[in-house]
């Protein structure tokens, strides 16, 4: 690895932190460890963090609140690390903007694979410096700067909605199932609830509905969704 990437590990279990630290440093990452949510926010705000591994249940400020606060300020990748394996908890964290969700206990190789996948997918890998821009009539989707422009006007949009739109627009007129979108955009295997995809599509449509005569996100019944270009 040419430039060491800095990963923040935030978990109130010192043993978990040490285990994760060893896995990551063996792969060449630089790590910082903290044991509560308040400190995690403090370290994040000093800058230089390329990815955050965040436990849900932490003292002072819980991981859900930390994730919400970080997403107000940054698109830095976040992987939730939690003993809670219920679908509701996963969906909630993903809708808040987390990039992946790993359930304890976990295998070291799986965690490393997920870290690499998230860094690659979110563009935080150092070698991925090419601009990611897609344009159609009336729309520019810029995944490098996380900007959406409609008819020349910048539109406020949450990171995951933009990533979903970018992915679909990168493959015009191709149909994707909800399971494929969960895996390709959210970055983990389908775990039994596609509601989060439907919610994001609904919100996207509200932003781009006036352009449906040229292009739009279409539902293919009993299959999934596609970005249709007329």
C-alpha atoms as a PDB file:
ATOM      1  CA  UNK A   1       0.000   0.000   0.000  1.00  0.00           C
ATOM      2  CA  UNK A   2       1.587   3.239  -1.170  1.00  0.00           C
ATOM      3  CA  UNK A   3       0.038   5.573   1.381  1.00  0.00           C
ATOM      4  CA  UNK A   4      -1.194   4.182   4.661  1.00  0.00           C
ATOM      5  CA  UNK A   5      -4.871   4.806   5.175  1.00  0.00           C
ATOM      6  CA  UNK A   6      -6.040   5.772   8.644  1.00  0.00           C
ATOM      7  CA  UNK A   7      -8.888   3.799  10.176  1.00  0.00           C
ATOM      8  CA  UNK A   8     -10.646   4.817  13.385  1.00  0.00           C
ATOM      9  CA  UNK A   9     -11.856   1.930  15.575  1.00  0.00           C
ATOM     10  CA  UNK A  10     -14.523   2.951  18.108  1.00  0.00           C
ATOM     11  CA  UNK A  11     -15.737   0.224  20.483  1.00  0.00           C
ATOM     12  CA  UNK A  12     -16.055   0.096  24.270  1.00  0.00           C
ATOM     13  CA  UNK A  13     -14.671  -3.454  24.319  1.00  0.00           C
ATOM     14  CA  UNK A  14     -10.884  -3.159  24.550  1.00  0.00           C
ATOM     15  CA  UNK A  15     -10.391  -6.758  23.409  1.00  0.00           C
ATOM     16  CA  UNK A  16     -12.421  -6.173  20.245  1.00  0.00           C
ATOM     17  CA  UNK A  17     -10.479  -2.976  19.533  1.00  0.00           C
ATOM     18  CA  UNK A  18      -7.156  -4.760  19.924  1.00  0.00           C
ATOM     19  CA  UNK A  19      -8.264  -7.653  17.710  1.00  0.00           C
ATOM     20  CA  UNK A  20      -9.486  -5.327  14.953  1.00  0.00           C
ATOM     21  CA  UNK A  21      -6.346  -3.194  15.275  1.00  0.00           C
ATOM     22  CA  UNK A  22      -4.115  -6.239  14.762  1.00  0.00           C
ATOM     23  CA  UNK A  23      -6.079  -7.389  11.705  1.00  0.00           C
ATOM     24  CA  UNK A  24      -5.911  -3.948  10.103  1.00  0.00           C
ATOM     25  CA  UNK A  25      -2.271  -3.179  10.863  1.00  0.00           C
ATOM     26  CA  UNK A  26      -1.263  -6.562   9.478  1.00  0.00           C
ATOM     27  CA  UNK A  27      -2.834  -5.400   6.179  1.00  0.00           C
ATOM     28  CA  UNK A  28      -0.881  -2.155   6.258  1.00  0.00           C
ATOM     29  CA  UNK A  29      -3.515   0.240   7.595  1.00  0.00           C
ATOM     30  CA  UNK A  30      -2.790   2.870  10.236  1.00  0.00           C
ATOM     31  CA  UNK A  31      -5.232   2.698  13.165  1.00  0.00           C
ATOM     32  CA  UNK A  32      -6.548   4.898  15.947  1.00  0.00           C
ATOM     33  CA  UNK A  33      -8.586   3.402  18.796  1.00  0.00           C
ATOM     34  CA  UNK A  34     -11.130   4.941  21.154  1.00  0.00           C
ATOM     35  CA  UNK A  35     -13.713   3.534  23.568  1.00  0.00           C
ATOM     36  CA  UNK A  36     -16.680   5.933  23.520  1.00  0.00           C
ATOM     37  CA  UNK A  37     -18.724   7.908  21.029  1.00  0.00           C
ATOM     38  CA  UNK A  38     -17.706  11.313  22.297  1.00  0.00           C
ATOM     39  CA  UNK A  39     -14.024  10.567  21.662  1.00  0.00           C
ATOM     40  CA  UNK A  40     -14.864   9.069  18.255  1.00  0.00           C
ATOM     41  CA  UNK A  41     -16.438  12.354  17.150  1.00  0.00           C
ATOM     42  CA  UNK A  42     -13.495  14.304  18.534  1.00  0.00           C
ATOM     43  CA  UNK A  43     -10.963  12.196  16.606  1.00  0.00           C
ATOM     44  CA  UNK A  44     -13.046  12.286  13.420  1.00  0.00           C
ATOM     45  CA  UNK A  45     -13.198  16.094  13.552  1.00  0.00           C
ATOM     46  CA  UNK A  46      -9.408  16.379  13.694  1.00  0.00           C
ATOM     47  CA  UNK A  47      -9.433  15.108  10.086  1.00  0.00           C
ATOM     48  CA  UNK A  48      -7.386  12.522   8.230  1.00  0.00           C
ATOM     49  CA  UNK A  49      -9.661   9.529   8.838  1.00  0.00           C
ATOM     50  CA  UNK A  50     -10.285   7.356   5.757  1.00  0.00           C
ATOM     51  CA  UNK A  51     -12.762   4.911   7.332  1.00  0.00           C
ATOM     52  CA  UNK A  52     -14.523   4.435  10.679  1.00  0.00           C
ATOM     53  CA  UNK A  53     -15.391   1.104  12.309  1.00  0.00           C
ATOM     54  CA  UNK A  54     -18.124   1.974  14.782  1.00  0.00           C
ATOM     55  CA  UNK A  55     -19.815  -0.025  17.539  1.00  0.00           C
ATOM     56  CA  UNK A  56     -23.483   0.754  18.258  1.00  0.00           C
ATOM     57  CA  UNK A  57     -23.507   0.311  22.033  1.00  0.00           C
ATOM     58  CA  UNK A  58     -20.973   2.777  23.465  1.00  0.00           C
ATOM     59  CA  UNK A  59     -20.898   5.057  26.517  1.00  0.00           C
ATOM     60  CA  UNK A  60     -21.368   8.858  26.446  1.00  0.00           C
ATOM     61  CA  UNK A  61     -22.658   8.910  22.848  1.00  0.00           C
ATOM     62  CA  UNK A  62     -23.988   5.759  21.167  1.00  0.00           C
ATOM     63  CA  UNK A  63     -22.838   4.657  17.728  1.00  0.00           C
ATOM     64  CA  UNK A  64     -26.133   5.461  16.020  1.00  0.00           C
ATOM     65  CA  UNK A  65     -25.880   9.088  17.146  1.00  0.00           C
ATOM     66  CA  UNK A  66     -22.213   9.228  16.139  1.00  0.00           C
ATOM     67  CA  UNK A  67     -23.093   7.931  12.668  1.00  0.00           C
ATOM     68  CA  UNK A  68     -25.870  10.511  12.328  1.00  0.00           C
ATOM     69  CA  UNK A  69     -23.586  13.385  13.407  1.00  0.00           C
ATOM     70  CA  UNK A  70     -20.763  12.339  11.071  1.00  0.00           C
ATOM     71  CA  UNK A  71     -23.140  12.159   8.116  1.00  0.00           C
ATOM     72  CA  UNK A  72     -24.087  15.801   8.702  1.00  0.00           C
ATOM     73  CA  UNK A  73     -20.454  16.738   8.080  1.00  0.00           C
ATOM     74  CA  UNK A  74     -18.790  14.077   5.958  1.00  0.00           C
ATOM     75  CA  UNK A  75     -19.144  11.127   3.602  1.00  0.00           C
ATOM     76  CA  UNK A  76     -16.232   9.232   5.174  1.00  0.00           C
ATOM     77  CA  UNK A  77     -16.994   5.469   4.971  1.00  0.00           C
ATOM     78  CA  UNK A  78     -18.544   3.936   8.116  1.00  0.00           C
ATOM     79  CA  UNK A  79     -18.757   0.230   8.950  1.00  0.00           C
ATOM     80  CA  UNK A  80     -21.034  -0.599  11.873  1.00  0.00           C
ATOM     81  CA  UNK A  81     -19.733  -3.353  14.152  1.00  0.00           C
ATOM     82  CA  UNK A  82     -22.470  -4.681  16.416  1.00  0.00           C
ATOM     83  CA  UNK A  83     -23.735  -7.643  18.403  1.00  0.00           C
ATOM     84  CA  UNK A  84     -27.227  -6.779  17.154  1.00  0.00           C
ATOM     85  CA  UNK A  85     -28.008  -8.926  14.126  1.00  0.00           C
ATOM     86  CA  UNK A  86     -31.688  -8.066  13.660  1.00  0.00           C
ATOM     87  CA  UNK A  87     -32.814  -6.749  10.287  1.00  0.00           C
ATOM     88  CA  UNK A  88     -34.326  -3.632  11.892  1.00  0.00           C
ATOM     89  CA  UNK A  89     -30.969  -2.554  13.333  1.00  0.00           C
ATOM     90  CA  UNK A  90     -29.194  -3.111  10.008  1.00  0.00           C
ATOM     91  CA  UNK A  91     -31.783  -1.187   8.018  1.00  0.00           C
ATOM     92  CA  UNK A  92     -31.781   1.689  10.515  1.00  0.00           C
ATOM     93  CA  UNK A  93     -27.991   2.091  10.383  1.00  0.00           C
ATOM     94  CA  UNK A  94     -27.876   1.850   6.587  1.00  0.00           C
ATOM     95  CA  UNK A  95     -30.590   4.458   6.226  1.00  0.00           C
ATOM     96  CA  UNK A  96     -28.571   6.742   8.501  1.00  0.00           C
ATOM     97  CA  UNK A  97     -25.725   6.474   6.016  1.00  0.00           C
ATOM     98  CA  UNK A  98     -23.551   3.584   7.183  1.00  0.00           C
ATOM     99  CA  UNK A  99     -21.770   1.808   4.328  1.00  0.00           C
ATOM    100  CA  UNK A 100     -21.739  -1.701   5.792  1.00  0.00           C
ATOM    101  CA  UNK A 101     -22.839  -3.655   8.867  1.00  0.00           C
ATOM    102  CA  UNK A 102     -20.810  -6.464  10.449  1.00  0.00           C
ATOM    103  CA  UNK A 103     -22.305  -8.650  13.194  1.00  0.00           C
ATOM    104  CA  UNK A 104     -20.199  -9.880  16.140  1.00  0.00           C
ATOM    105  CA  UNK A 105     -18.631 -12.382  16.391  1.00  0.00           C
ATOM    106  CA  UNK A 106     -16.881 -11.961  13.068  1.00  0.00           C
ATOM    107  CA  UNK A 107     -14.020 -13.504  11.134  1.00  0.00           C
ATOM    108  CA  UNK A 108     -10.943 -11.329  10.664  1.00  0.00           C
ATOM    109  CA  UNK A 109     -10.690 -12.134   6.951  1.00  0.00           C
ATOM    110  CA  UNK A 110     -14.318 -11.131   6.411  1.00  0.00           C
ATOM    111  CA  UNK A 111     -13.834  -7.810   8.183  1.00  0.00           C
ATOM    112  CA  UNK A 112     -10.729  -7.004   6.128  1.00  0.00           C
ATOM    113  CA  UNK A 113     -12.568  -7.929   2.918  1.00  0.00           C
ATOM    114  CA  UNK A 114     -15.416  -5.607   3.849  1.00  0.00           C
ATOM    115  CA  UNK A 115     -13.027  -2.755   4.712  1.00  0.00           C
ATOM    116  CA  UNK A 116     -11.335  -3.091   1.322  1.00  0.00           C
ATOM    117  CA  UNK A 117     -14.667  -3.344  -0.494  1.00  0.00           C
ATOM    118  CA  UNK A 118     -16.059  -0.224   1.200  1.00  0.00           C
ATOM    119  CA  UNK A 119     -12.903   1.792   0.510  1.00  0.00           C
ATOM    120  CA  UNK A 120     -12.974   0.680  -3.109  1.00  0.00           C
ATOM    121  CA  UNK A 121     -16.676   1.316  -3.588  1.00  0.00           C
ATOM    122  CA  UNK A 122     -16.740   4.739  -1.937  1.00  0.00           C
ATOM    123  CA  UNK A 123     -13.691   5.977  -3.819  1.00  0.00           C
ATOM    124  CA  UNK A 124     -11.563   6.444  -0.701  1.00  0.00           C
ATOM    125  CA  UNK A 125      -8.837   4.177  -2.068  1.00  0.00           C
ATOM    126  CA  UNK A 126      -5.842   6.340  -2.895  1.00  0.00           C
ATOM    127  CA  UNK A 127      -5.368   4.910  -6.350  1.00  0.00           C
ATOM    128  CA  UNK A 128      -8.912   5.680  -7.444  1.00  0.00           C
ATOM    129  CA  UNK A 129      -8.507   9.337  -8.358  1.00  0.00           C
ATOM    130  CA  UNK A 130     -10.420   9.467 -11.660  1.00  0.00           C
ATOM    131  CA  UNK A 131     -13.495  11.656 -11.561  1.00  0.00           C
ATOM    132  CA  UNK A 132     -16.775   9.780 -11.444  1.00  0.00           C
ATOM    133  CA  UNK A 133     -19.273  11.865 -13.394  1.00  0.00           C
ATOM    134  CA  UNK A 134     -22.350  10.787 -15.379  1.00  0.00           C
ATOM    135  CA  UNK A 135     -24.368  13.196 -17.504  1.00  0.00           C
ATOM    136  CA  UNK A 136     -27.699  12.961 -19.292  1.00  0.00           C
ATOM    137  CA  UNK A 137     -29.940  15.723 -20.561  1.00  0.00           C
ATOM    138  CA  UNK A 138     -30.685  17.950 -17.572  1.00  0.00           C
ATOM    139  CA  UNK A 139     -28.712  15.969 -14.989  1.00  0.00           C
ATOM    140  CA  UNK A 140     -25.132  15.662 -13.794  1.00  0.00           C
ATOM    141  CA  UNK A 141     -24.283  13.032 -11.164  1.00  0.00           C
ATOM    142  CA  UNK A 142     -20.862  13.693  -9.665  1.00  0.00           C
ATOM    143  CA  UNK A 143     -19.728  10.920  -7.334  1.00  0.00           C
ATOM    144  CA  UNK A 144     -16.287  12.496  -6.886  1.00  0.00           C
ATOM    145  CA  UNK A 145     -17.720  15.560  -5.144  1.00  0.00           C
ATOM    146  CA  UNK A 146     -21.043  13.963  -4.206  1.00  0.00           C
ATOM    147  CA  UNK A 147     -23.046  16.562  -6.098  1.00  0.00           C
ATOM    148  CA  UNK A 148     -26.294  16.256  -8.025  1.00  0.00           C
ATOM    149  CA  UNK A 149     -27.225  18.967 -10.520  1.00  0.00           C
ATOM    150  CA  UNK A 150     -30.637  19.172 -12.196  1.00  0.00           C
ATOM    151  CA  UNK A 151     -31.056  21.730 -14.976  1.00  0.00           C
ATOM    152  CA  UNK A 152     -27.964  23.509 -13.676  1.00  0.00           C
ATOM    153  CA  UNK A 153     -29.247  23.704 -10.086  1.00  0.00           C
ATOM    154  CA  UNK A 154     -27.457  21.898  -7.238  1.00  0.00           C
ATOM    155  CA  UNK A 155     -29.784  19.553  -5.348  1.00  0.00           C
ATOM    156  CA  UNK A 156     -29.305  18.449  -1.737  1.00  0.00           C
ATOM    157  CA  UNK A 157     -29.164  14.662  -1.640  1.00  0.00           C
ATOM    158  CA  UNK A 158     -28.005  12.116   0.988  1.00  0.00           C
ATOM    159  CA  UNK A 159     -24.861  10.155   0.034  1.00  0.00           C
ATOM    160  CA  UNK A 160     -26.541   6.760  -0.306  1.00  0.00           C
ATOM    161  CA  UNK A 161     -29.287   8.120  -2.561  1.00  0.00           C
ATOM    162  CA  UNK A 162     -26.648   9.631  -4.825  1.00  0.00           C
ATOM    163  CA  UNK A 163     -24.676   6.368  -4.894  1.00  0.00           C
ATOM    164  CA  UNK A 164     -27.824   4.451  -5.842  1.00  0.00           C
ATOM    165  CA  UNK A 165     -28.672   6.942  -8.600  1.00  0.00           C
ATOM    166  CA  UNK A 166     -25.099   6.871  -9.892  1.00  0.00           C
ATOM    167  CA  UNK A 167     -25.045   3.078  -9.980  1.00  0.00           C
ATOM    168  CA  UNK A 168     -28.330   2.791 -11.878  1.00  0.00           C
ATOM    169  CA  UNK A 169     -27.429   5.615 -14.275  1.00  0.00           C
ATOM    170  CA  UNK A 170     -24.087   3.906 -14.955  1.00  0.00           C
ATOM    171  CA  UNK A 171     -26.044   1.007 -16.457  1.00  0.00           C
ATOM    172  CA  UNK A 172     -28.946   2.623 -18.356  1.00  0.00           C
ATOM    173  CA  UNK A 173     -31.951   0.445 -19.186  1.00  0.00           C
ATOM    174  CA  UNK A 174     -30.537  -2.517 -17.263  1.00  0.00           C
ATOM    175  CA  UNK A 175     -32.805  -4.030 -14.625  1.00  0.00           C
ATOM    176  CA  UNK A 176     -31.445  -4.793 -11.145  1.00  0.00           C
ATOM    177  CA  UNK A 177     -33.188  -6.738  -8.401  1.00  0.00           C
ATOM    178  CA  UNK A 178     -33.363  -5.273  -4.931  1.00  0.00           C
ATOM    179  CA  UNK A 179     -30.927  -7.930  -3.771  1.00  0.00           C
ATOM    180  CA  UNK A 180     -28.388  -6.900  -6.425  1.00  0.00           C
ATOM    181  CA  UNK A 181     -28.733  -3.250  -5.468  1.00  0.00           C
ATOM    182  CA  UNK A 182     -28.210  -4.046  -1.798  1.00  0.00           C
ATOM    183  CA  UNK A 183     -25.035  -5.916  -2.641  1.00  0.00           C
ATOM    184  CA  UNK A 184     -23.650  -3.508  -5.256  1.00  0.00           C
ATOM    185  CA  UNK A 185     -24.571  -0.186  -3.627  1.00  0.00           C
ATOM    186  CA  UNK A 186     -24.693  -1.042   0.073  1.00  0.00           C
ATOM    187  CA  UNK A 187     -21.951  -3.619  -0.279  1.00  0.00           C
ATOM    188  CA  UNK A 188     -23.133  -6.700   1.575  1.00  0.00           C
ATOM    189  CA  UNK A 189     -25.247  -9.760   0.903  1.00  0.00           C
ATOM    190  CA  UNK A 190     -29.028  -9.532   0.923  1.00  0.00           C
ATOM    191  CA  UNK A 191     -30.191 -10.175   4.487  1.00  0.00           C
ATOM    192  CA  UNK A 192     -33.943 -10.509   4.139  1.00  0.00           C
ATOM    193  CA  UNK A 193     -35.465  -7.023   3.884  1.00  0.00           C
ATOM    194  CA  UNK A 194     -35.493  -4.945   0.684  1.00  0.00           C
ATOM    195  CA  UNK A 195     -37.370  -2.031   2.271  1.00  0.00           C
ATOM    196  CA  UNK A 196     -34.305   0.179   2.378  1.00  0.00           C
ATOM    197  CA  UNK A 197     -33.970   0.028  -1.448  1.00  0.00           C
ATOM    198  CA  UNK A 198     -37.634   0.943  -1.924  1.00  0.00           C
ATOM    199  CA  UNK A 199     -37.326   3.865   0.501  1.00  0.00           C
ATOM    200  CA  UNK A 200     -34.292   5.276  -1.321  1.00  0.00           C
ATOM    201  CA  UNK A 201     -35.937   4.868  -4.747  1.00  0.00           C
ATOM    202  CA  UNK A 202     -39.062   6.664  -3.502  1.00  0.00           C
ATOM    203  CA  UNK A 203     -36.995   9.607  -2.238  1.00  0.00           C
ATOM    204  CA  UNK A 204     -34.997   9.766  -5.461  1.00  0.00           C
ATOM    205  CA  UNK A 205     -38.142   9.850  -7.563  1.00  0.00           C
ATOM    206  CA  UNK A 206     -39.437  12.801  -5.588  1.00  0.00           C
ATOM    207  CA  UNK A 207     -36.304  14.722  -6.617  1.00  0.00           C
ATOM    208  CA  UNK A 208     -36.208  13.802 -10.313  1.00  0.00           C
ATOM    209  CA  UNK A 209     -39.861  13.190 -11.222  1.00  0.00           C
ATOM    210  CA  UNK A 210     -40.135  16.258 -13.496  1.00  0.00           C
ATOM    211  CA  UNK A 211     -37.587  14.681 -15.863  1.00  0.00           C
ATOM    212  CA  UNK A 212     -39.535  11.472 -16.494  1.00  0.00           C
ATOM    213  CA  UNK A 213     -40.172  12.433 -20.137  1.00  0.00           C
ATOM    214  CA  UNK A 214     -36.404  12.049 -20.743  1.00  0.00           C
ATOM    215  CA  UNK A 215     -35.215   9.517 -18.183  1.00  0.00           C
ATOM    216  CA  UNK A 216     -36.106   8.204 -14.748  1.00  0.00           C
ATOM    217  CA  UNK A 217     -36.061   5.296 -12.330  1.00  0.00           C
ATOM    218  CA  UNK A 218     -38.631   2.755 -13.443  1.00  0.00           C
ATOM    219  CA  UNK A 219     -40.089  -0.174 -11.552  1.00  0.00           C
ATOM    220  CA  UNK A 220     -40.023  -3.494 -13.360  1.00  0.00           C
ATOM    221  CA  UNK A 221     -42.745  -5.371 -11.561  1.00  0.00           C
ATOM    222  CA  UNK A 222     -41.721  -8.580  -9.795  1.00  0.00           C
ATOM    223  CA  UNK A 223     -38.081  -7.902 -10.715  1.00  0.00           C
ATOM    224  CA  UNK A 224     -36.630  -4.598  -9.513  1.00  0.00           C
ATOM    225  CA  UNK A 225     -35.572  -1.190 -10.848  1.00  0.00           C
ATOM    226  CA  UNK A 226     -33.790   0.359 -13.809  1.00  0.00           C
ATOM    227  CA  UNK A 227     -32.611   3.788 -14.927  1.00  0.00           C
ATOM    228  CA  UNK A 228     -34.592   4.190 -18.142  1.00  0.00           C
ATOM    229  CA  UNK A 229     -33.329   6.558 -20.830  1.00  0.00           C
ATOM    230  CA  UNK A 230     -35.942   7.441 -23.459  1.00  0.00           C
END
